[in-house]
Amino acid sequence: MELDTIIRRLENEVVEISHDDLAALLEMSVVVSESSTGIAGRIRTLRFGDRVLVQERTPKGQIYIRELGSEDAARRFVQSRLDAYERMWDG
């Protein structure tokens, strides 16, 4: 999928992307933060131009991108995901 198409779709939805799309996106973005989930790879906050994106994987390996309104909103979102993964480890 073209990056322009991905970015347009982010205005209305969370977008599943391929490994190749992720590689292209990472080349054109600044990684603001990156954390290991311990279960589903890494979760990243990216700055793509003036947009703040979060990239995450499911435990099955699907890659999703979502747009958040600010780096602060992204930090809160990522922390909530990390907290959920930590609860999974606790059973």
PDB file of N, CA and C in Angstrom:
ATOM      1  N   MET A   1       0.857  -1.170   0.000  1.00  0.00           N
ATOM      2  CA  MET A   1       0.000   0.000   0.000  1.00  0.00           C
ATOM      3  C   MET A   1       0.909   1.241   0.000  1.00  0.00           C
ATOM      4  N   GLU A   2       0.544   2.256  -0.688  1.00  0.00           N
ATOM      5  CA  GLU A   2       1.305   3.503  -0.719  1.00  0.00           C
ATOM      6  C   GLU A   2       1.213   4.221   0.631  1.00  0.00           C
ATOM      7  N   LEU A   3       2.307   4.855   1.040  1.00  0.00           N
ATOM      8  CA  LEU A   3       2.296   5.581   2.317  1.00  0.00           C
ATOM      9  C   LEU A   3       1.250   6.685   2.318  1.00  0.00           C
ATOM     10  N   ASP A   4       1.058   7.359   1.193  1.00  0.00           N
ATOM     11  CA  ASP A   4       0.030   8.410   1.130  1.00  0.00           C
ATOM     12  C   ASP A   4      -1.348   7.839   1.446  1.00  0.00           C
ATOM     13  N   THR A   5      -1.628   6.658   0.933  1.00  0.00           N
ATOM     14  CA  THR A   5      -2.913   6.005   1.188  1.00  0.00           C
ATOM     15  C   THR A   5      -3.045   5.645   2.660  1.00  0.00           C
ATOM     16  N   ILE A   6      -1.988   5.112   3.229  1.00  0.00           N
ATOM     17  CA  ILE A   6      -1.994   4.770   4.655  1.00  0.00           C
ATOM     18  C   ILE A   6      -2.277   6.009   5.492  1.00  0.00           C
ATOM     19  N   ILE A   7      -1.567   7.089   5.218  1.00  0.00           N
ATOM     20  CA  ILE A   7      -1.721   8.317   6.000  1.00  0.00           C
ATOM     21  C   ILE A   7      -3.131   8.878   5.850  1.00  0.00           C
ATOM     22  N   ARG A   8      -3.689   8.860   4.653  1.00  0.00           N
ATOM     23  CA  ARG A   8      -5.072   9.333   4.455  1.00  0.00           C
ATOM     24  C   ARG A   8      -6.055   8.486   5.252  1.00  0.00           C
ATOM     25  N   ARG A   9      -5.871   7.173   5.226  1.00  0.00           N
ATOM     26  CA  ARG A   9      -6.784   6.283   5.943  1.00  0.00           C
ATOM     27  C   ARG A   9      -6.711   6.491   7.454  1.00  0.00           C
ATOM     28  N   LEU A  10      -5.546   6.917   7.959  1.00  0.00           N
ATOM     29  CA  LEU A  10      -5.383   7.117   9.401  1.00  0.00           C
ATOM     30  C   LEU A  10      -6.298   8.204   9.953  1.00  0.00           C
ATOM     31  N   GLU A  11      -6.797   9.064   9.091  1.00  0.00           N
ATOM     32  CA  GLU A  11      -7.709  10.113   9.552  1.00  0.00           C
ATOM     33  C   GLU A  11      -9.004   9.535  10.087  1.00  0.00           C
ATOM     34  N   ASN A  12      -9.355   8.322   9.640  1.00  0.00           N
ATOM     35  CA  ASN A  12     -10.651   7.738   9.995  1.00  0.00           C
ATOM     36  C   ASN A  12     -10.587   6.380  10.678  1.00  0.00           C
ATOM     37  N   GLU A  13      -9.415   5.751  10.690  1.00  0.00           N
ATOM     38  CA  GLU A  13      -9.373   4.375  11.192  1.00  0.00           C
ATOM     39  C   GLU A  13      -7.965   3.967  11.609  1.00  0.00           C
ATOM     40  N   VAL A  14      -7.902   2.873  12.323  1.00  0.00           N
ATOM     41  CA  VAL A  14      -6.641   2.206  12.604  1.00  0.00           C
ATOM     42  C   VAL A  14      -6.349   1.365  11.368  1.00  0.00           C
ATOM     43  N   VAL A  15      -5.100   1.398  10.895  1.00  0.00           N
ATOM     44  CA  VAL A  15      -4.768   0.770   9.616  1.00  0.00           C
ATOM     45  C   VAL A  15      -3.796  -0.385   9.832  1.00  0.00           C
ATOM     46  N   GLU A  16      -4.140  -1.548   9.270  1.00  0.00           N
ATOM     47  CA  GLU A  16      -3.209  -2.672   9.267  1.00  0.00           C
ATOM     48  C   GLU A  16      -2.262  -2.490   8.080  1.00  0.00           C
ATOM     49  N   ILE A  17      -0.964  -2.668   8.324  1.00  0.00           N
ATOM     50  CA  ILE A  17       0.023  -2.506   7.270  1.00  0.00           C
ATOM     51  C   ILE A  17       0.925  -3.742   7.191  1.00  0.00           C
ATOM     52  N   SER A  18       1.637  -3.853   6.090  1.00  0.00           N
ATOM     53  CA  SER A  18       2.558  -4.968   5.884  1.00  0.00           C
ATOM     54  C   SER A  18       3.927  -4.646   6.492  1.00  0.00           C
ATOM     55  N   HIS A  19       4.779  -5.650   6.546  1.00  0.00           N
ATOM     56  CA  HIS A  19       6.154  -5.444   7.016  1.00  0.00           C
ATOM     57  C   HIS A  19       6.892  -4.468   6.102  1.00  0.00           C
ATOM     58  N   ASP A  20       6.654  -4.562   4.790  1.00  0.00           N
ATOM     59  CA  ASP A  20       7.285  -3.636   3.848  1.00  0.00           C
ATOM     60  C   ASP A  20       6.808  -2.208   4.065  1.00  0.00           C
ATOM     61  N   ASP A  21       5.493  -2.038   4.311  1.00  0.00           N
ATOM     62  CA  ASP A  21       4.956  -0.700   4.595  1.00  0.00           C
ATOM     63  C   ASP A  21       5.568  -0.138   5.872  1.00  0.00           C
ATOM     64  N   LEU A  22       5.729  -0.996   6.882  1.00  0.00           N
ATOM     65  CA  LEU A  22       6.341  -0.544   8.131  1.00  0.00           C
ATOM     66  C   LEU A  22       7.772  -0.083   7.888  1.00  0.00           C
ATOM     67  N   ALA A  23       8.535  -0.844   7.132  1.00  0.00           N
ATOM     68  CA  ALA A  23       9.919  -0.456   6.831  1.00  0.00           C
ATOM     69  C   ALA A  23       9.957   0.904   6.144  1.00  0.00           C
ATOM     70  N   ALA A  24       9.067   1.112   5.183  1.00  0.00           N
ATOM     71  CA  ALA A  24       9.017   2.399   4.475  1.00  0.00           C
ATOM     72  C   ALA A  24       8.621   3.523   5.421  1.00  0.00           C
ATOM     73  N   LEU A  25       7.645   3.269   6.269  1.00  0.00           N
ATOM     74  CA  LEU A  25       7.200   4.282   7.230  1.00  0.00           C
ATOM     75  C   LEU A  25       8.316   4.640   8.198  1.00  0.00           C
ATOM     76  N   LEU A  26       9.035   3.638   8.698  1.00  0.00           N
ATOM     77  CA  LEU A  26      10.129   3.900   9.632  1.00  0.00           C
ATOM     78  C   LEU A  26      11.241   4.720   8.985  1.00  0.00           C
ATOM     79  N   GLU A  27      11.490   4.495   7.706  1.00  0.00           N
ATOM     80  CA  GLU A  27      12.510   5.279   7.000  1.00  0.00           C
ATOM     81  C   GLU A  27      12.138   6.744   6.891  1.00  0.00           C
ATOM     82  N   MET A  28      10.833   7.044   6.854  1.00  0.00           N
ATOM     83  CA  MET A  28      10.368   8.414   6.651  1.00  0.00           C
ATOM     84  C   MET A  28       9.901   9.085   7.937  1.00  0.00           C
ATOM     85  N   SER A  29      10.056   8.409   9.065  1.00  0.00           N
ATOM     86  CA  SER A  29       9.576   8.915  10.349  1.00  0.00           C
ATOM     87  C   SER A  29      10.725   9.090  11.328  1.00  0.00           C
ATOM     88  N   VAL A  30      10.432   9.818  12.382  1.00  0.00           N
ATOM     89  CA  VAL A  30      11.338   9.918  13.518  1.00  0.00           C
ATOM     90  C   VAL A  30      10.739   9.057  14.620  1.00  0.00           C
ATOM     91  N   VAL A  31      11.535   8.144  15.164  1.00  0.00           N
ATOM     92  CA  VAL A  31      11.063   7.310  16.272  1.00  0.00           C
ATOM     93  C   VAL A  31      11.201   8.126  17.551  1.00  0.00           C
ATOM     94  N   VAL A  32      10.066   8.453  18.153  1.00  0.00           N
ATOM     95  CA  VAL A  32      10.036   9.246  19.380  1.00  0.00           C
ATOM     96  C   VAL A  32      10.289   8.350  20.584  1.00  0.00           C
ATOM     97  N   SER A  33       9.674   7.166  20.567  1.00  0.00           N
ATOM     98  CA  SER A  33       9.891   6.200  21.649  1.00  0.00           C
ATOM     99  C   SER A  33       9.662   4.802  21.106  1.00  0.00           C
ATOM    100  N   GLU A  34      10.248   3.839  21.810  1.00  0.00           N
ATOM    101  CA  GLU A  34      10.129   2.444  21.411  1.00  0.00           C
ATOM    102  C   GLU A  34      10.234   1.608  22.675  1.00  0.00           C
ATOM    103  N   SER A  35       9.277   0.699  22.864  1.00  0.00           N
ATOM    104  CA  SER A  35       9.274  -0.156  24.054  1.00  0.00           C
ATOM    105  C   SER A  35       8.953  -1.580  23.649  1.00  0.00           C
ATOM    106  N   SER A  36       9.512  -2.530  24.382  1.00  0.00           N
ATOM    107  CA  SER A  36       9.191  -3.932  24.167  1.00  0.00           C
ATOM    108  C   SER A  36       7.924  -4.277  24.949  1.00  0.00           C
ATOM    109  N   THR A  37       7.008  -4.968  24.290  1.00  0.00           N
ATOM    110  CA  THR A  37       5.789  -5.384  24.972  1.00  0.00           C
ATOM    111  C   THR A  37       5.989  -6.690  25.720  1.00  0.00           C
ATOM    112  N   GLY A  38       7.039  -7.433  25.363  1.00  0.00           N
ATOM    113  CA  GLY A  38       7.281  -8.729  25.979  1.00  0.00           C
ATOM    114  C   GLY A  38       6.438  -9.837  25.372  1.00  0.00           C
ATOM    115  N   ILE A  39       5.391  -9.490  24.652  1.00  0.00           N
ATOM    116  CA  ILE A  39       4.485 -10.476  24.066  1.00  0.00           C
ATOM    117  C   ILE A  39       4.327 -10.261  22.560  1.00  0.00           C
ATOM    118  N   ALA A  40       4.246  -9.013  22.164  1.00  0.00           N
ATOM    119  CA  ALA A  40       3.914  -8.698  20.764  1.00  0.00           C
ATOM    120  C   ALA A  40       4.937  -7.749  20.142  1.00  0.00           C
ATOM    121  N   GLY A  41       6.189  -8.013  20.371  1.00  0.00           N
ATOM    122  CA  GLY A  41       7.216  -7.176  19.739  1.00  0.00           C
ATOM    123  C   GLY A  41       7.328  -5.795  20.350  1.00  0.00           C
ATOM    124  N   ARG A  42       7.628  -4.840  19.506  1.00  0.00           N
ATOM    125  CA  ARG A  42       7.859  -3.479  19.969  1.00  0.00           C
ATOM    126  C   ARG A  42       6.659  -2.599  19.653  1.00  0.00           C
ATOM    127  N   ILE A  43       6.439  -1.629  20.511  1.00  0.00           N
ATOM    128  CA  ILE A  43       5.428  -0.605  20.263  1.00  0.00           C
ATOM    129  C   ILE A  43       6.195   0.710  20.136  1.00  0.00           C
ATOM    130  N   ARG A  44       5.897   1.450  19.080  1.00  0.00           N
ATOM    131  CA  ARG A  44       6.658   2.666  18.787  1.00  0.00           C
ATOM    132  C   ARG A  44       5.738   3.870  18.658  1.00  0.00           C
ATOM    133  N   THR A  45       6.244   5.011  19.106  1.00  0.00           N
ATOM    134  CA  THR A  45       5.637   6.293  18.800  1.00  0.00           C
ATOM    135  C   THR A  45       6.494   6.924  17.715  1.00  0.00           C
ATOM    136  N   LEU A  46       5.844   7.350  16.647  1.00  0.00           N
ATOM    137  CA  LEU A  46       6.545   7.920  15.498  1.00  0.00           C
ATOM    138  C   LEU A  46       6.048   9.329  15.227  1.00  0.00           C
ATOM    139  N   ARG A  47       6.938  10.154  14.741  1.00  0.00           N
ATOM    140  CA  ARG A  47       6.548  11.465  14.233  1.00  0.00           C
ATOM    141  C   ARG A  47       6.733  11.395  12.728  1.00  0.00           C
ATOM    142  N   PHE A  48       5.621  11.586  12.003  1.00  0.00           N
ATOM    143  CA  PHE A  48       5.620  11.586  10.546  1.00  0.00           C
ATOM    144  C   PHE A  48       5.149  12.968  10.123  1.00  0.00           C
ATOM    145  N   GLY A  49       6.098  13.838   9.795  1.00  0.00           N
ATOM    146  CA  GLY A  49       5.744  15.240   9.544  1.00  0.00           C
ATOM    147  C   GLY A  49       5.194  15.838  10.822  1.00  0.00           C
ATOM    148  N   ASP A  50       3.987  16.373  10.753  1.00  0.00           N
ATOM    149  CA  ASP A  50       3.376  16.955  11.952  1.00  0.00           C
ATOM    150  C   ASP A  50       2.405  15.987  12.632  1.00  0.00           C
ATOM    151  N   ARG A  51       2.404  14.739  12.209  1.00  0.00           N
ATOM    152  CA  ARG A  51       1.501  13.742  12.772  1.00  0.00           C
ATOM    153  C   ARG A  51       2.230  12.851  13.770  1.00  0.00           C
ATOM    154  N   VAL A  52       1.497  12.421  14.797  1.00  0.00           N
ATOM    155  CA  VAL A  52       2.026  11.495  15.796  1.00  0.00           C
ATOM    156  C   VAL A  52       1.296  10.169  15.600  1.00  0.00           C
ATOM    157  N   LEU A  53       2.081   9.125  15.374  1.00  0.00           N
ATOM    158  CA  LEU A  53       1.538   7.794  15.110  1.00  0.00           C
ATOM    159  C   LEU A  53       2.050   6.808  16.145  1.00  0.00           C
ATOM    160  N   VAL A  54       1.262   5.777  16.394  1.00  0.00           N
ATOM    161  CA  VAL A  54       1.719   4.670  17.218  1.00  0.00           C
ATOM    162  C   VAL A  54       1.635   3.414  16.368  1.00  0.00           C
ATOM    163  N   GLN A  55       2.719   2.668  16.355  1.00  0.00           N
ATOM    164  CA  GLN A  55       2.795   1.398  15.623  1.00  0.00           C
ATOM    165  C   GLN A  55       2.889   0.283  16.647  1.00  0.00           C
ATOM    166  N   GLU A  56       2.036  -0.720  16.484  1.00  0.00           N
ATOM    167  CA  GLU A  56       2.074  -1.869  17.377  1.00  0.00           C
ATOM    168  C   GLU A  56       1.765  -3.139  16.596  1.00  0.00           C
ATOM    169  N   ARG A  57       2.104  -4.273  17.189  1.00  0.00           N
ATOM    170  CA  ARG A  57       1.821  -5.585  16.602  1.00  0.00           C
ATOM    171  C   ARG A  57       0.897  -6.342  17.529  1.00  0.00           C
ATOM    172  N   THR A  58       0.143  -7.213  16.931  1.00  0.00           N
ATOM    173  CA  THR A  58      -0.645  -8.132  17.744  1.00  0.00           C
ATOM    174  C   THR A  58       0.255  -9.316  18.099  1.00  0.00           C
ATOM    175  N   PRO A  59      -0.121 -10.115  19.074  1.00  0.00           N
ATOM    176  CA  PRO A  59       0.666 -11.323  19.362  1.00  0.00           C
ATOM    177  C   PRO A  59       0.776 -12.260  18.151  1.00  0.00           C
ATOM    178  N   LYS A  60      -0.143 -12.146  17.196  1.00  0.00           N
ATOM    179  CA  LYS A  60      -0.097 -12.969  15.982  1.00  0.00           C
ATOM    180  C   LYS A  60       0.763 -12.336  14.885  1.00  0.00           C
ATOM    181  N   GLY A  61       1.319 -11.139  15.133  1.00  0.00           N
ATOM    182  CA  GLY A  61       2.230 -10.520  14.181  1.00  0.00           C
ATOM    183  C   GLY A  61       1.628  -9.493  13.235  1.00  0.00           C
ATOM    184  N   GLN A  62       0.335  -9.232  13.336  1.00  0.00           N
ATOM    185  CA  GLN A  62      -0.265  -8.192  12.498  1.00  0.00           C
ATOM    186  C   GLN A  62       0.257  -6.830  12.973  1.00  0.00           C
ATOM    187  N   ILE A  63       0.494  -5.925  12.026  1.00  0.00           N
ATOM    188  CA  ILE A  63       1.048  -4.607  12.348  1.00  0.00           C
ATOM    189  C   ILE A  63      -0.042  -3.559  12.134  1.00  0.00           C
ATOM    190  N   TYR A  64      -0.245  -2.728  13.157  1.00  0.00           N
ATOM    191  CA  TYR A  64      -1.250  -1.673  13.078  1.00  0.00           C
ATOM    192  C   TYR A  64      -0.618  -0.316  13.362  1.00  0.00           C
ATOM    193  N   ILE A  65      -1.146   0.684  12.679  1.00  0.00           N
ATOM    194  CA  ILE A  65      -0.748   2.076  12.878  1.00  0.00           C
ATOM    195  C   ILE A  65      -2.003   2.856  13.247  1.00  0.00           C
ATOM    196  N   ARG A  66      -1.870   3.746  14.195  1.00  0.00           N
ATOM    197  CA  ARG A  66      -2.970   4.653  14.548  1.00  0.00           C
ATOM    198  C   ARG A  66      -2.400   6.041  14.746  1.00  0.00           C
ATOM    199  N   GLU A  67      -3.209   7.028  14.492  1.00  0.00           N
ATOM    200  CA  GLU A  67      -2.791   8.413  14.704  1.00  0.00           C
ATOM    201  C   GLU A  67      -3.358   8.900  16.024  1.00  0.00           C
ATOM    202  N   LEU A  68      -2.515   9.601  16.778  1.00  0.00           N
ATOM    203  CA  LEU A  68      -2.961  10.225  18.017  1.00  0.00           C
ATOM    204  C   LEU A  68      -2.726  11.729  17.895  1.00  0.00           C
ATOM    205  N   GLY A  69      -3.405  12.500  18.687  1.00  0.00           N
ATOM    206  CA  GLY A  69      -3.377  13.944  18.536  1.00  0.00           C
ATOM    207  C   GLY A  69      -2.102  14.627  18.976  1.00  0.00           C
ATOM    208  N   SER A  70      -1.335  13.968  19.831  1.00  0.00           N
ATOM    209  CA  SER A  70      -0.131  14.605  20.364  1.00  0.00           C
ATOM    210  C   SER A  70       0.807  13.539  20.919  1.00  0.00           C
ATOM    211  N   GLU A  71       2.041  13.948  21.185  1.00  0.00           N
ATOM    212  CA  GLU A  71       2.976  13.006  21.806  1.00  0.00           C
ATOM    213  C   GLU A  71       2.508  12.630  23.205  1.00  0.00           C
ATOM    214  N   ASP A  72       1.884  13.566  23.912  1.00  0.00           N
ATOM    215  CA  ASP A  72       1.376  13.261  25.251  1.00  0.00           C
ATOM    216  C   ASP A  72       0.270  12.202  25.170  1.00  0.00           C
ATOM    217  N   ALA A  73      -0.637  12.335  24.209  1.00  0.00           N
ATOM    218  CA  ALA A  73      -1.694  11.339  24.020  1.00  0.00           C
ATOM    219  C   ALA A  73      -1.080   9.990  23.644  1.00  0.00           C
ATOM    220  N   ALA A  74      -0.055  10.015  22.819  1.00  0.00           N
ATOM    221  CA  ALA A  74       0.625   8.775  22.431  1.00  0.00           C
ATOM    222  C   ALA A  74       1.285   8.123  23.639  1.00  0.00           C
ATOM    223  N   ARG A  75       1.931   8.924  24.496  1.00  0.00           N
ATOM    224  CA  ARG A  75       2.565   8.382  25.712  1.00  0.00           C
ATOM    225  C   ARG A  75       1.536   7.677  26.588  1.00  0.00           C
ATOM    226  N   ARG A  76       0.388   8.312  26.777  1.00  0.00           N
ATOM    227  CA  ARG A  76      -0.670   7.706  27.598  1.00  0.00           C
ATOM    228  C   ARG A  76      -1.185   6.416  26.963  1.00  0.00           C
ATOM    229  N   PHE A  77      -1.389   6.425  25.653  1.00  0.00           N
ATOM    230  CA  PHE A  77      -1.863   5.238  24.952  1.00  0.00           C
ATOM    231  C   PHE A  77      -0.869   4.093  25.088  1.00  0.00           C
ATOM    232  N   VAL A  78       0.405   4.376  24.825  1.00  0.00           N
ATOM    233  CA  VAL A  78       1.446   3.344  24.911  1.00  0.00           C
ATOM    234  C   VAL A  78       1.522   2.797  26.332  1.00  0.00           C
ATOM    235  N   GLN A  79       1.464   3.670  27.321  1.00  0.00           N
ATOM    236  CA  GLN A  79       1.530   3.206  28.707  1.00  0.00           C
ATOM    237  C   GLN A  79       0.347   2.301  29.038  1.00  0.00           C
ATOM    238  N   SER A  80      -0.832   2.635  28.523  1.00  0.00           N
ATOM    239  CA  SER A  80      -1.993   1.768  28.790  1.00  0.00           C
ATOM    240  C   SER A  80      -1.802   0.392  28.142  1.00  0.00           C
ATOM    241  N   ARG A  81      -1.206   0.359  26.960  1.00  0.00           N
ATOM    242  CA  ARG A  81      -0.911  -0.920  26.302  1.00  0.00           C
ATOM    243  C   ARG A  81       0.127  -1.711  27.107  1.00  0.00           C
ATOM    244  N   LEU A  82       1.195  -1.047  27.541  1.00  0.00           N
ATOM    245  CA  LEU A  82       2.231  -1.728  28.314  1.00  0.00           C
ATOM    246  C   LEU A  82       1.664  -2.259  29.625  1.00  0.00           C
ATOM    247  N   ASP A  83       0.787  -1.499  30.261  1.00  0.00           N
ATOM    248  CA  ASP A  83       0.135  -1.957  31.488  1.00  0.00           C
ATOM    249  C   ASP A  83      -0.705  -3.210  31.218  1.00  0.00           C
ATOM    250  N   ALA A  84      -1.419  -3.228  30.089  1.00  0.00           N
ATOM    251  CA  ALA A  84      -2.236  -4.398  29.739  1.00  0.00           C
ATOM    252  C   ALA A  84      -1.353  -5.620  29.512  1.00  0.00           C
ATOM    253  N   TYR A  85      -0.239  -5.446  28.799  1.00  0.00           N
ATOM    254  CA  TYR A  85       0.668  -6.574  28.586  1.00  0.00           C
ATOM    255  C   TYR A  85       1.260  -7.059  29.910  1.00  0.00           C
ATOM    256  N   GLU A  86       1.553  -6.158  30.815  1.00  0.00           N
ATOM    257  CA  GLU A  86       2.087  -6.546  32.115  1.00  0.00           C
ATOM    258  C   GLU A  86       1.054  -7.375  32.889  1.00  0.00           C
ATOM    259  N   ARG A  87      -0.216  -6.986  32.800  1.00  0.00           N
ATOM    260  CA  ARG A  87      -1.278  -7.772  33.464  1.00  0.00           C
ATOM    261  C   ARG A  87      -1.362  -9.174  32.862  1.00  0.00           C
ATOM    262  N   MET A  88      -1.126  -9.298  31.541  1.00  0.00           N
ATOM    263  CA  MET A  88      -1.161 -10.620  30.903  1.00  0.00           C
ATOM    264  C   MET A  88      -0.103 -11.538  31.495  1.00  0.00           C
ATOM    265  N   TRP A  89       1.072 -10.967  31.793  1.00  0.00           N
ATOM    266  CA  TRP A  89       2.134 -11.776  32.390  1.00  0.00           C
ATOM    267  C   TRP A  89       1.756 -12.238  33.783  1.00  0.00           C
ATOM    268  N   ASP A  90       0.970 -11.413  34.489  1.00  0.00           N
ATOM    269  CA  ASP A  90       0.569 -11.743  35.849  1.00  0.00           C
ATOM    270  C   ASP A  90      -0.550 -12.787  35.894  1.00  0.00           C
ATOM    271  N   GLY A  91      -1.128 -13.079  34.728  1.00  0.00           N
ATOM    272  CA  GLY A  91      -2.161 -14.112  34.625  1.00  0.00           C
ATOM    273  C   GLY A  91      -3.485 -13.633  35.058  1.00  0.00           C
TER     274      GLY A  91
END
